[in-house]
Amino acid sequence: MPLIGHTVQKALDAALWRLRNDEISLDDLTPALAGFFLAGHAAALASVLPDLTRAEQERDQANSSADRYYRAAFNPRKPIQIGQSFRELEKTRHEIYSGGVK
């Protein structure tokens, strides 16, 4: 049994190479032939999609880290004002709640 498309093999091969070399566009193909091309493209895209998604996530994480490091190095925040120690706060609370401070 012959393969499907064996009668148009040479014409299809020539059309494929013209398409790949940008001599023609998808609009120049019949709907059925464009469908075969797009089905192959979709299958190829699906095969690399997990790797592409992971690479995009890694890129986003790297950009986020780079932004955070840049801000830390070149746009430091004002120093945090340190207030009373925990011990002093507990002493004050004890005086307030025991009635020692008015």
N, C-alpha and C. Protein backbone atom coordinates (compact mmCIF):
# COMPACT_ATOMS: atom_id res chain seq x y z
N MET A 1 0.85 -1.19 0.00
CA MET A 1 0.00 0.00 0.00
C MET A 1 0.90 1.25 0.00
N PRO A 2 0.68 2.15 -0.93
CA PRO A 2 1.51 3.35 -1.00
C PRO A 2 1.17 4.33 0.13
N LEU A 3 2.15 5.17 0.47
CA LEU A 3 1.96 6.18 1.51
C LEU A 3 1.04 7.28 1.01
N ILE A 4 0.32 7.88 1.95
CA ILE A 4 -0.57 9.00 1.60
C ILE A 4 0.29 10.16 1.12
N GLY A 5 -0.07 10.74 0.02
CA GLY A 5 0.63 11.88 -0.52
C GLY A 5 1.77 11.52 -1.45
N HIS A 6 1.95 10.22 -1.77
CA HIS A 6 3.09 9.84 -2.60
C HIS A 6 3.01 10.43 -4.00
N THR A 7 1.80 10.74 -4.45
CA THR A 7 1.66 11.28 -5.81
C THR A 7 2.04 12.76 -5.88
N VAL A 8 2.04 13.43 -4.76
CA VAL A 8 2.38 14.86 -4.74
C VAL A 8 3.63 15.14 -3.91
N GLN A 9 4.43 14.12 -3.69
CA GLN A 9 5.60 14.23 -2.84
C GLN A 9 6.54 15.36 -3.26
N LYS A 10 6.88 15.41 -4.52
CA LYS A 10 7.83 16.42 -4.99
C LYS A 10 7.27 17.83 -4.84
N ALA A 11 6.00 18.01 -5.17
CA ALA A 11 5.39 19.34 -5.06
C ALA A 11 5.30 19.78 -3.59
N LEU A 12 4.94 18.83 -2.71
CA LEU A 12 4.85 19.17 -1.28
C LEU A 12 6.22 19.51 -0.71
N ASP A 13 7.24 18.75 -1.10
CA ASP A 13 8.58 19.01 -0.63
C ASP A 13 9.06 20.38 -1.10
N ALA A 14 8.78 20.71 -2.34
CA ALA A 14 9.18 22.01 -2.88
C ALA A 14 8.44 23.13 -2.15
N ALA A 15 7.14 22.94 -1.89
CA ALA A 15 6.35 23.95 -1.19
C ALA A 15 6.86 24.14 0.24
N LEU A 16 7.22 23.03 0.89
CA LEU A 16 7.74 23.12 2.26
C LEU A 16 9.04 23.93 2.30
N TRP A 17 9.95 23.67 1.37
CA TRP A 17 11.20 24.41 1.36
C TRP A 17 11.00 25.87 1.01
N ARG A 18 10.06 26.16 0.13
CA ARG A 18 9.77 27.56 -0.19
C ARG A 18 9.17 28.27 1.02
N LEU A 19 8.33 27.54 1.77
CA LEU A 19 7.73 28.10 2.99
C LEU A 19 8.80 28.36 4.05
N ARG A 20 9.71 27.42 4.23
CA ARG A 20 10.77 27.56 5.22
C ARG A 20 11.74 28.67 4.85
N ASN A 21 11.92 28.94 3.58
CA ASN A 21 12.83 29.99 3.12
C ASN A 21 12.12 31.33 2.96
N ASP A 22 10.88 31.43 3.41
CA ASP A 22 10.08 32.66 3.35
C ASP A 22 9.84 33.14 1.92
N GLU A 23 9.85 32.23 0.98
CA GLU A 23 9.50 32.60 -0.40
C GLU A 23 7.98 32.67 -0.57
N ILE A 24 7.27 31.88 0.25
CA ILE A 24 5.81 31.91 0.27
C ILE A 24 5.37 31.97 1.73
N SER A 25 4.09 32.30 1.95
CA SER A 25 3.57 32.35 3.32
C SER A 25 2.47 31.30 3.46
N LEU A 26 1.97 31.15 4.67
CA LEU A 26 0.88 30.20 4.91
C LEU A 26 -0.36 30.57 4.11
N ASP A 27 -0.53 31.85 3.82
CA ASP A 27 -1.69 32.29 3.05
C ASP A 27 -1.66 31.76 1.62
N ASP A 28 -0.48 31.38 1.14
CA ASP A 28 -0.36 30.86 -0.23
C ASP A 28 -0.69 29.37 -0.31
N LEU A 29 -0.87 28.69 0.83
CA LEU A 29 -1.17 27.26 0.84
C LEU A 29 -2.66 27.02 0.86
N THR A 30 -3.06 25.85 0.42
CA THR A 30 -4.46 25.47 0.53
C THR A 30 -4.78 25.27 2.01
N PRO A 31 -6.04 25.36 2.41
CA PRO A 31 -6.37 25.17 3.83
C PRO A 31 -5.91 23.82 4.37
N ALA A 32 -6.03 22.77 3.57
CA ALA A 32 -5.61 21.45 4.05
C ALA A 32 -4.10 21.38 4.27
N LEU A 33 -3.35 21.92 3.33
CA LEU A 33 -1.89 21.90 3.45
C LEU A 33 -1.43 22.80 4.60
N ALA A 34 -2.05 23.95 4.76
CA ALA A 34 -1.73 24.83 5.90
C ALA A 34 -2.07 24.12 7.21
N GLY A 35 -3.15 23.34 7.21
CA GLY A 35 -3.53 22.58 8.40
C GLY A 35 -2.47 21.56 8.78
N PHE A 36 -1.89 20.88 7.80
CA PHE A 36 -0.81 19.93 8.09
C PHE A 36 0.39 20.66 8.67
N PHE A 37 0.73 21.77 8.09
CA PHE A 37 1.87 22.54 8.58
C PHE A 37 1.63 23.02 10.01
N LEU A 38 0.43 23.56 10.27
CA LEU A 38 0.12 24.07 11.60
C LEU A 38 0.01 22.94 12.63
N ALA A 39 -0.45 21.76 12.20
CA ALA A 39 -0.50 20.62 13.12
C ALA A 39 0.92 20.21 13.53
N GLY A 40 1.83 20.23 12.59
CA GLY A 40 3.23 19.93 12.92
C GLY A 40 3.82 20.97 13.84
N HIS A 41 3.49 22.22 13.58
CA HIS A 41 3.98 23.31 14.44
C HIS A 41 3.44 23.15 15.86
N ALA A 42 2.14 22.83 15.98
CA ALA A 42 1.54 22.65 17.31
C ALA A 42 2.17 21.48 18.05
N ALA A 43 2.45 20.40 17.33
CA ALA A 43 3.08 19.23 17.97
C ALA A 43 4.48 19.59 18.45
N ALA A 44 5.22 20.33 17.65
CA ALA A 44 6.57 20.73 18.05
C ALA A 44 6.52 21.66 19.26
N LEU A 45 5.59 22.59 19.27
CA LEU A 45 5.45 23.51 20.39
C LEU A 45 5.08 22.76 21.67
N ALA A 46 4.16 21.81 21.55
CA ALA A 46 3.75 21.03 22.72
C ALA A 46 4.91 20.22 23.29
N SER A 47 5.83 19.80 22.44
CA SER A 47 6.95 18.99 22.93
C SER A 47 7.95 19.82 23.72
N VAL A 48 8.04 21.13 23.46
CA VAL A 48 9.00 21.97 24.18
C VAL A 48 8.34 22.87 25.22
N LEU A 49 7.02 22.81 25.33
CA LEU A 49 6.31 23.70 26.24
C LEU A 49 6.73 23.54 27.70
N PRO A 50 6.91 22.32 28.24
CA PRO A 50 7.34 22.23 29.64
C PRO A 50 8.70 22.90 29.87
N ASP A 51 9.65 22.69 28.96
CA ASP A 51 10.96 23.31 29.10
C ASP A 51 10.86 24.83 28.98
N LEU A 52 10.03 25.30 28.06
CA LEU A 52 9.85 26.73 27.86
C LEU A 52 9.22 27.37 29.10
N THR A 53 8.23 26.71 29.66
CA THR A 53 7.56 27.23 30.86
C THR A 53 8.55 27.31 32.02
N ARG A 54 9.35 26.25 32.20
CA ARG A 54 10.33 26.24 33.28
C ARG A 54 11.36 27.34 33.07
N ALA A 55 11.80 27.53 31.84
CA ALA A 55 12.79 28.57 31.55
C ALA A 55 12.21 29.96 31.83
N GLU A 56 10.94 30.17 31.49
CA GLU A 56 10.31 31.46 31.77
C GLU A 56 10.20 31.70 33.27
N GLN A 57 9.87 30.66 34.04
CA GLN A 57 9.78 30.81 35.49
C GLN A 57 11.14 31.12 36.08
N GLU A 58 12.18 30.43 35.60
CA GLU A 58 13.53 30.70 36.09
C GLU A 58 13.97 32.12 35.73
N ARG A 59 13.60 32.59 34.53
CA ARG A 59 13.93 33.95 34.13
C ARG A 59 13.23 34.96 35.04
N ASP A 60 11.95 34.72 35.32
CA ASP A 60 11.21 35.64 36.19
C ASP A 60 11.80 35.68 37.59
N GLN A 61 12.20 34.50 38.10
CA GLN A 61 12.81 34.45 39.43
C GLN A 61 14.14 35.18 39.45
N ALA A 62 14.94 34.99 38.39
CA ALA A 62 16.24 35.66 38.31
C ALA A 62 16.06 37.18 38.23
N ASN A 63 15.09 37.63 37.45
CA ASN A 63 14.82 39.07 37.36
C ASN A 63 14.36 39.64 38.70
N SER A 64 13.53 38.88 39.39
CA SER A 64 13.05 39.32 40.69
C SER A 64 14.20 39.42 41.68
N SER A 65 15.07 38.43 41.67
CA SER A 65 16.23 38.46 42.57
C SER A 65 17.16 39.62 42.21
N ALA A 66 17.38 39.83 40.93
CA ALA A 66 18.26 40.93 40.51
C ALA A 66 17.68 42.27 40.95
N ASP A 67 16.38 42.45 40.81
CA ASP A 67 15.75 43.69 41.25
C ASP A 67 15.90 43.87 42.76
N ARG A 68 15.68 42.78 43.51
CA ARG A 68 15.79 42.86 44.96
C ARG A 68 17.23 43.21 45.38
N TYR A 69 18.21 42.58 44.76
CA TYR A 69 19.61 42.86 45.10
C TYR A 69 19.99 44.30 44.71
N TYR A 70 19.49 44.77 43.57
CA TYR A 70 19.78 46.14 43.15
C TYR A 70 19.22 47.14 44.15
N ARG A 71 17.96 46.91 44.55
CA ARG A 71 17.36 47.81 45.53
C ARG A 71 18.12 47.78 46.85
N ALA A 72 18.56 46.59 47.24
CA ALA A 72 19.30 46.49 48.51
C ALA A 72 20.65 47.21 48.42
N ALA A 73 21.28 47.17 47.27
CA ALA A 73 22.60 47.78 47.13
C ALA A 73 22.55 49.28 46.86
N PHE A 74 21.59 49.72 46.05
CA PHE A 74 21.61 51.11 45.60
C PHE A 74 20.46 51.96 46.11
N ASN A 75 19.50 51.37 46.79
CA ASN A 75 18.38 52.12 47.32
C ASN A 75 18.07 51.61 48.71
N PRO A 76 19.04 51.72 49.62
CA PRO A 76 18.80 51.16 50.95
C PRO A 76 17.72 51.93 51.70
N ARG A 77 17.03 51.22 52.54
CA ARG A 77 16.00 51.85 53.37
C ARG A 77 16.66 52.60 54.52
N LYS A 78 15.90 53.50 55.09
CA LYS A 78 16.40 54.21 56.27
C LYS A 78 16.55 53.21 57.40
N PRO A 79 17.51 53.44 58.28
CA PRO A 79 17.68 52.51 59.39
C PRO A 79 16.43 52.46 60.26
N ILE A 80 16.17 51.29 60.77
CA ILE A 80 15.01 51.11 61.65
C ILE A 80 15.33 51.72 63.01
N GLN A 81 14.41 52.53 63.49
CA GLN A 81 14.58 53.13 64.81
C GLN A 81 14.28 52.08 65.86
N ILE A 82 15.24 51.82 66.71
CA ILE A 82 15.07 50.80 67.74
C ILE A 82 14.54 51.48 68.98
N GLY A 83 13.45 50.94 69.48
CA GLY A 83 12.82 51.52 70.67
C GLY A 83 13.28 50.82 71.93
N GLN A 84 12.39 50.75 72.87
CA GLN A 84 12.70 50.13 74.15
C GLN A 84 12.93 48.63 73.97
N SER A 85 13.72 48.07 74.86
CA SER A 85 13.94 46.63 74.82
C SER A 85 12.69 45.92 75.34
N PHE A 86 12.61 44.64 75.11
CA PHE A 86 11.48 43.86 75.58
C PHE A 86 11.38 43.92 77.10
N ARG A 87 12.52 43.88 77.75
CA ARG A 87 12.54 43.94 79.22
C ARG A 87 11.96 45.26 79.71
N GLU A 88 12.33 46.37 79.07
CA GLU A 88 11.80 47.67 79.47
C GLU A 88 10.30 47.75 79.21
N LEU A 89 9.84 47.19 78.07
CA LEU A 89 8.41 47.18 77.78
C LEU A 89 7.64 46.38 78.81
N GLU A 90 8.18 45.23 79.20
CA GLU A 90 7.50 44.41 80.22
C GLU A 90 7.44 45.13 81.56
N LYS A 91 8.49 45.84 81.91
CA LYS A 91 8.51 46.60 83.17
C LYS A 91 7.44 47.69 83.13
N THR A 92 7.35 48.40 81.99
CA THR A 92 6.34 49.45 81.85
C THR A 92 4.94 48.86 81.91
N ARG A 93 4.71 47.76 81.22
CA ARG A 93 3.39 47.11 81.26
C ARG A 93 3.03 46.69 82.67
N HIS A 94 3.99 46.12 83.35
CA HIS A 94 3.74 45.68 84.73
C HIS A 94 3.33 46.87 85.61
N GLU A 95 4.04 47.99 85.44
CA GLU A 95 3.71 49.16 86.25
C GLU A 95 2.33 49.69 85.90
N ILE A 96 1.98 49.67 84.60
CA ILE A 96 0.66 50.18 84.19
C ILE A 96 -0.45 49.30 84.74
N TYR A 97 -0.31 47.98 84.55
CA TYR A 97 -1.40 47.08 84.92
C TYR A 97 -1.44 46.77 86.40
N SER A 98 -0.38 47.04 87.12
CA SER A 98 -0.40 46.82 88.58
C SER A 98 -0.83 48.09 89.32
N GLY A 99 -1.01 49.18 88.59
CA GLY A 99 -1.46 50.42 89.20
C GLY A 99 -0.35 51.25 89.73
N GLY A 100 0.89 50.92 89.39
CA GLY A 100 2.03 51.66 89.91
C GLY A 100 2.25 53.00 89.20
N VAL A 101 1.78 53.14 87.95
CA VAL A 101 1.98 54.40 87.20
C VAL A 101 0.63 55.07 87.05
N LYS A 102 0.62 56.39 87.26
CA LYS A 102 -0.64 57.13 87.12
C LYS A 102 -0.56 58.06 85.97
